[in-house]
Amino acid sequence: MKLKSLLSAGAVVGASLMFTSLQPLSVKAQEFTASHLEAARQLVIETKALESFDDILPLLAEQTRTLFIQSDPARTQEVVDVSTEVALKLASKRTELNNMVYEVWARRFTEEELIQLADFYRSPIGQKLAKNGPTVTALAIGAARQWQDKISTEMVALVREELDKRAAE
């Protein structure tokens, strides 16, 4: 189950990064002051926004292992060893993702706004939001899905009832 949720998360992250890279060059080429990017970095740290990306590299390593093991099961241990070594080498590239995230925030907020937001997230209520935000969001999405399923069933029943009524007339 965890692999399935990681795959979904990986797909969302990949789509988000692809969308970011497809933005117009004029936006992408925007230059930020060091202090603006530092304000974005501070906010990202305070919001714990990078934590959701921590599973990307392990997930990619697992997917790569699976691919190679399926191709040549006799080399399973070798594939595990090599894919782990490569994943550890690639870990240093994580700063590229972090910098991309800082720029995403810097594009959407002024330096002053980023500072104000970081100050908020340093407050007790901001820390509580950073800690509980992902759980609350997941629960809200779950509630929306549950409501959608209920309404869908109700809609089908009501449409069927109305169509049957009209057919009888």
C-alpha atoms as a PDB file:
ATOM      1  CA  MET A   1       0.000   0.000   0.000  1.00  0.00           C
ATOM      2  CA  LYS A   2       2.829   2.405   0.844  1.00  0.00           C
ATOM      3  CA  LEU A   3       4.426   1.811  -2.565  1.00  0.00           C
ATOM      4  CA  LYS A   4       1.118   2.639  -4.236  1.00  0.00           C
ATOM      5  CA  SER A   5       0.823   5.909  -2.307  1.00  0.00           C
ATOM      6  CA  LEU A   6       4.458   6.694  -3.057  1.00  0.00           C
ATOM      7  CA  LEU A   7       3.847   6.075  -6.736  1.00  0.00           C
ATOM      8  CA  SER A   8       0.924   8.488  -6.623  1.00  0.00           C
ATOM      9  CA  ALA A   9       3.010  11.040  -4.773  1.00  0.00           C
ATOM     10  CA  GLY A  10       5.831  10.585  -7.279  1.00  0.00           C
ATOM     11  CA  ALA A  11       3.433  11.157 -10.149  1.00  0.00           C
ATOM     12  CA  VAL A  12       2.100  14.338  -8.542  1.00  0.00           C
ATOM     13  CA  VAL A  13       5.591  15.638  -7.867  1.00  0.00           C
ATOM     14  CA  GLY A  14       6.703  14.792 -11.392  1.00  0.00           C
ATOM     15  CA  ALA A  15       3.689  16.519 -12.901  1.00  0.00           C
ATOM     16  CA  SER A  16       4.238  19.565 -10.692  1.00  0.00           C
ATOM     17  CA  LEU A  17       7.894  19.806 -11.659  1.00  0.00           C
ATOM     18  CA  MET A  18       7.046  19.328 -15.332  1.00  0.00           C
ATOM     19  CA  PHE A  19       4.427  22.079 -15.145  1.00  0.00           C
ATOM     20  CA  THR A  20       6.927  24.388 -13.466  1.00  0.00           C
ATOM     21  CA  SER A  21       9.489  23.704 -16.193  1.00  0.00           C
ATOM     22  CA  LEU A  22       6.922  24.470 -18.915  1.00  0.00           C
ATOM     23  CA  GLN A  23       6.205  27.966 -17.683  1.00  0.00           C
ATOM     24  CA  PRO A  24       7.092  30.758 -20.118  1.00  0.00           C
ATOM     25  CA  LEU A  25      10.788  31.511 -20.353  1.00  0.00           C
ATOM     26  CA  SER A  26      10.252  35.098 -19.241  1.00  0.00           C
ATOM     27  CA  VAL A  27       8.918  33.834 -15.922  1.00  0.00           C
ATOM     28  CA  LYS A  28      11.492  31.071 -15.644  1.00  0.00           C
ATOM     29  CA  ALA A  29      14.373  33.432 -16.376  1.00  0.00           C
ATOM     30  CA  GLN A  30      13.276  35.807 -13.616  1.00  0.00           C
ATOM     31  CA  GLU A  31      16.151  36.731 -11.387  1.00  0.00           C
ATOM     32  CA  PHE A  32      15.773  36.950  -7.633  1.00  0.00           C
ATOM     33  CA  THR A  33      17.963  38.660  -5.112  1.00  0.00           C
ATOM     34  CA  ALA A  34      19.854  36.451  -2.713  1.00  0.00           C
ATOM     35  CA  SER A  35      17.736  37.828   0.140  1.00  0.00           C
ATOM     36  CA  HIS A  36      14.488  37.035  -1.746  1.00  0.00           C
ATOM     37  CA  LEU A  37      15.581  33.431  -2.271  1.00  0.00           C
ATOM     38  CA  GLU A  38      16.748  33.226   1.335  1.00  0.00           C
ATOM     39  CA  ALA A  39      13.322  34.422   2.481  1.00  0.00           C
ATOM     40  CA  ALA A  40      11.750  31.704   0.317  1.00  0.00           C
ATOM     41  CA  ARG A  41      14.150  29.125   1.761  1.00  0.00           C
ATOM     42  CA  GLN A  42      13.275  30.168   5.301  1.00  0.00           C
ATOM     43  CA  LEU A  43       9.564  29.880   4.585  1.00  0.00           C
ATOM     44  CA  VAL A  44       9.984  26.477   2.957  1.00  0.00           C
ATOM     45  CA  ILE A  45      11.929  25.291   6.002  1.00  0.00           C
ATOM     46  CA  GLU A  46       9.310  26.652   8.420  1.00  0.00           C
ATOM     47  CA  THR A  47       6.424  25.074   6.479  1.00  0.00           C
ATOM     48  CA  LYS A  48       8.292  21.776   6.155  1.00  0.00           C
ATOM     49  CA  ALA A  49       7.300  21.894   2.484  1.00  0.00           C
ATOM     50  CA  LEU A  50      10.274  19.802   1.361  1.00  0.00           C
ATOM     51  CA  GLU A  51       9.466  16.830   3.598  1.00  0.00           C
ATOM     52  CA  SER A  52       6.875  15.534   1.148  1.00  0.00           C
ATOM     53  CA  PHE A  53       9.658  15.128  -1.432  1.00  0.00           C
ATOM     54  CA  ASP A  54      11.918  13.016   0.782  1.00  0.00           C
ATOM     55  CA  ASP A  55      10.586   9.773  -0.686  1.00  0.00           C
ATOM     56  CA  ILE A  56      11.293  10.626  -4.336  1.00  0.00           C
ATOM     57  CA  LEU A  57      14.807   9.187  -4.535  1.00  0.00           C
ATOM     58  CA  PRO A  58      14.040   6.017  -2.532  1.00  0.00           C
ATOM     59  CA  LEU A  59      10.961   5.503  -4.698  1.00  0.00           C
ATOM     60  CA  LEU A  60      12.965   5.925  -7.896  1.00  0.00           C
ATOM     61  CA  ALA A  61      15.588   3.508  -6.584  1.00  0.00           C
ATOM     62  CA  GLU A  62      12.877   0.953  -5.801  1.00  0.00           C
ATOM     63  CA  GLN A  63      11.276   1.381  -9.235  1.00  0.00           C
ATOM     64  CA  THR A  64      14.673   1.015 -10.896  1.00  0.00           C
ATOM     65  CA  ARG A  65      15.440  -2.106  -8.854  1.00  0.00           C
ATOM     66  CA  THR A  66      12.108  -3.633  -9.830  1.00  0.00           C
ATOM     67  CA  LEU A  67      12.706  -2.880 -13.508  1.00  0.00           C
ATOM     68  CA  PHE A  68      16.155  -4.473 -13.568  1.00  0.00           C
ATOM     69  CA  ILE A  69      15.217  -7.436 -11.363  1.00  0.00           C
ATOM     70  CA  GLN A  70      12.281  -8.243 -13.639  1.00  0.00           C
ATOM     71  CA  SER A  71      14.653  -8.196 -16.589  1.00  0.00           C
ATOM     72  CA  ASP A  72      17.287 -10.379 -14.926  1.00  0.00           C
ATOM     73  CA  PRO A  73      16.180 -12.021 -11.637  1.00  0.00           C
ATOM     74  CA  ALA A  74      19.468 -13.912 -11.348  1.00  0.00           C
ATOM     75  CA  ARG A  75      21.256 -10.609 -10.638  1.00  0.00           C
ATOM     76  CA  THR A  76      18.892  -9.475  -7.868  1.00  0.00           C
ATOM     77  CA  GLN A  77      21.509  -8.825  -5.204  1.00  0.00           C
ATOM     78  CA  GLU A  78      23.783  -7.073  -7.671  1.00  0.00           C
ATOM     79  CA  VAL A  79      20.898  -4.877  -8.852  1.00  0.00           C
ATOM     80  CA  VAL A  80      20.019  -4.017  -5.242  1.00  0.00           C
ATOM     81  CA  ASP A  81      23.630  -3.118  -4.445  1.00  0.00           C
ATOM     82  CA  VAL A  82      24.182  -1.034  -7.586  1.00  0.00           C
ATOM     83  CA  SER A  83      20.851   0.794  -7.413  1.00  0.00           C
ATOM     84  CA  THR A  84      21.535   1.664  -3.763  1.00  0.00           C
ATOM     85  CA  GLU A  85      25.014   2.957  -4.632  1.00  0.00           C
ATOM     86  CA  VAL A  86      23.644   5.046  -7.502  1.00  0.00           C
ATOM     87  CA  ALA A  87      20.815   6.435  -5.342  1.00  0.00           C
ATOM     88  CA  LEU A  88      23.338   7.504  -2.715  1.00  0.00           C
ATOM     89  CA  LYS A  89      25.439   9.235  -5.398  1.00  0.00           C
ATOM     90  CA  LEU A  90      22.370  11.026  -6.737  1.00  0.00           C
ATOM     91  CA  ALA A  91      21.329  12.210  -3.264  1.00  0.00           C
ATOM     92  CA  SER A  92      23.585  15.239  -3.649  1.00  0.00           C
ATOM     93  CA  LYS A  93      21.354  16.424  -6.484  1.00  0.00           C
ATOM     94  CA  ARG A  94      18.540  17.022  -3.993  1.00  0.00           C
ATOM     95  CA  THR A  95      19.680  20.634  -3.676  1.00  0.00           C
ATOM     96  CA  GLU A  96      18.494  21.138  -7.273  1.00  0.00           C
ATOM     97  CA  LEU A  97      14.943  20.277  -6.244  1.00  0.00           C
ATOM     98  CA  ASN A  98      15.172  22.412  -3.122  1.00  0.00           C
ATOM     99  CA  ASN A  99      16.325  25.400  -5.184  1.00  0.00           C
ATOM    100  CA  MET A 100      13.492  24.864  -7.663  1.00  0.00           C
ATOM    101  CA  VAL A 101      11.002  24.893  -4.789  1.00  0.00           C
ATOM    102  CA  TYR A 102      12.513  28.093  -3.371  1.00  0.00           C
ATOM    103  CA  GLU A 103      12.112  29.720  -6.775  1.00  0.00           C
ATOM    104  CA  VAL A 104       8.502  28.553  -7.022  1.00  0.00           C
ATOM    105  CA  TRP A 105       7.753  30.353  -3.768  1.00  0.00           C
ATOM    106  CA  ALA A 106       9.822  33.409  -4.765  1.00  0.00           C
ATOM    107  CA  ARG A 107       7.873  33.717  -8.035  1.00  0.00           C
ATOM    108  CA  ARG A 108       4.581  33.923  -6.204  1.00  0.00           C
ATOM    109  CA  PHE A 109       5.430  36.024  -3.164  1.00  0.00           C
ATOM    110  CA  THR A 110       7.430  39.157  -2.588  1.00  0.00           C
ATOM    111  CA  GLU A 111      10.381  39.005  -0.247  1.00  0.00           C
ATOM    112  CA  GLU A 112       8.394  40.864   2.413  1.00  0.00           C
ATOM    113  CA  GLU A 113       5.456  38.450   2.085  1.00  0.00           C
ATOM    114  CA  LEU A 114       7.803  35.490   2.439  1.00  0.00           C
ATOM    115  CA  ILE A 115       9.297  37.001   5.594  1.00  0.00           C
ATOM    116  CA  GLN A 116       5.822  37.607   7.035  1.00  0.00           C
ATOM    117  CA  LEU A 117       4.755  34.061   6.214  1.00  0.00           C
ATOM    118  CA  ALA A 118       7.914  32.590   7.759  1.00  0.00           C
ATOM    119  CA  ASP A 119       7.292  34.679  10.885  1.00  0.00           C
ATOM    120  CA  PHE A 120       3.759  33.278  11.038  1.00  0.00           C
ATOM    121  CA  TYR A 121       5.033  29.704  10.703  1.00  0.00           C
ATOM    122  CA  ARG A 122       7.482  30.351  13.548  1.00  0.00           C
ATOM    123  CA  SER A 123       4.554  31.244  15.837  1.00  0.00           C
ATOM    124  CA  PRO A 124       2.881  28.495  17.883  1.00  0.00           C
ATOM    125  CA  ILE A 125      -0.207  28.460  15.653  1.00  0.00           C
ATOM    126  CA  GLY A 126       1.966  28.450  12.523  1.00  0.00           C
ATOM    127  CA  GLN A 127       3.983  25.520  13.869  1.00  0.00           C
ATOM    128  CA  LYS A 128       0.747  23.705  14.608  1.00  0.00           C
ATOM    129  CA  LEU A 129      -0.426  24.366  11.051  1.00  0.00           C
ATOM    130  CA  ALA A 130       2.877  23.127   9.596  1.00  0.00           C
ATOM    131  CA  LYS A 131       2.669  19.984  11.735  1.00  0.00           C
ATOM    132  CA  ASN A 132      -1.013  19.222  11.154  1.00  0.00           C
ATOM    133  CA  GLY A 133      -1.594  20.744   7.715  1.00  0.00           C
ATOM    134  CA  PRO A 134      -0.768  17.626   5.679  1.00  0.00           C
ATOM    135  CA  THR A 135      -2.964  15.438   7.895  1.00  0.00           C
ATOM    136  CA  VAL A 136      -5.849  17.909   7.787  1.00  0.00           C
ATOM    137  CA  THR A 137      -5.525  18.162   4.002  1.00  0.00           C
ATOM    138  CA  ALA A 138      -5.489  14.380   3.621  1.00  0.00           C
ATOM    139  CA  LEU A 139      -8.538  14.045   5.864  1.00  0.00           C
ATOM    140  CA  ALA A 140     -10.350  16.796   3.950  1.00  0.00           C
ATOM    141  CA  ILE A 141      -9.604  15.028   0.654  1.00  0.00           C
ATOM    142  CA  GLY A 142     -10.867  11.783   2.179  1.00  0.00           C
ATOM    143  CA  ALA A 143     -14.045  13.531   3.337  1.00  0.00           C
ATOM    144  CA  ALA A 144     -14.544  15.001  -0.134  1.00  0.00           C
ATOM    145  CA  ARG A 145     -14.133  11.574  -1.733  1.00  0.00           C
ATOM    146  CA  GLN A 146     -16.573  10.036   0.747  1.00  0.00           C
ATOM    147  CA  TRP A 147     -19.092  12.813   0.053  1.00  0.00           C
ATOM    148  CA  GLN A 148     -18.559  12.418  -3.703  1.00  0.00           C
ATOM    149  CA  ASP A 149     -19.258   8.684  -3.495  1.00  0.00           C
ATOM    150  CA  LYS A 150     -22.420   9.310  -1.460  1.00  0.00           C
ATOM    151  CA  ILE A 151     -23.682  12.023  -3.801  1.00  0.00           C
ATOM    152  CA  SER A 152     -22.790   9.944  -6.858  1.00  0.00           C
ATOM    153  CA  THR A 153     -24.854   7.034  -5.586  1.00  0.00           C
ATOM    154  CA  GLU A 154     -27.718   9.384  -4.746  1.00  0.00           C
ATOM    155  CA  MET A 155     -27.507  11.066  -8.159  1.00  0.00           C
ATOM    156  CA  VAL A 156     -27.593   7.754 -10.020  1.00  0.00           C
ATOM    157  CA  ALA A 157     -30.597   6.642  -7.984  1.00  0.00           C
ATOM    158  CA  LEU A 158     -32.473   9.918  -8.541  1.00  0.00           C
ATOM    159  CA  VAL A 159     -31.706  10.005 -12.284  1.00  0.00           C
ATOM    160  CA  ARG A 160     -32.768   6.361 -12.621  1.00  0.00           C
ATOM    161  CA  GLU A 161     -35.972   7.085 -10.700  1.00  0.00           C
ATOM    162  CA  GLU A 162     -36.780  10.115 -12.853  1.00  0.00           C
ATOM    163  CA  LEU A 163     -36.020   8.280 -16.107  1.00  0.00           C
ATOM    164  CA  ASP A 164     -38.223   5.362 -15.013  1.00  0.00           C
ATOM    165  CA  LYS A 165     -40.982   7.795 -14.108  1.00  0.00           C
ATOM    166  CA  ARG A 166     -40.764   9.518 -17.476  1.00  0.00           C
ATOM    167  CA  ALA A 167     -40.666   6.197 -19.338  1.00  0.00           C
ATOM    168  CA  ALA A 168     -43.866   5.146 -17.561  1.00  0.00           C
ATOM    169  CA  GLU A 169     -45.691   8.320 -18.649  1.00  0.00           C
END
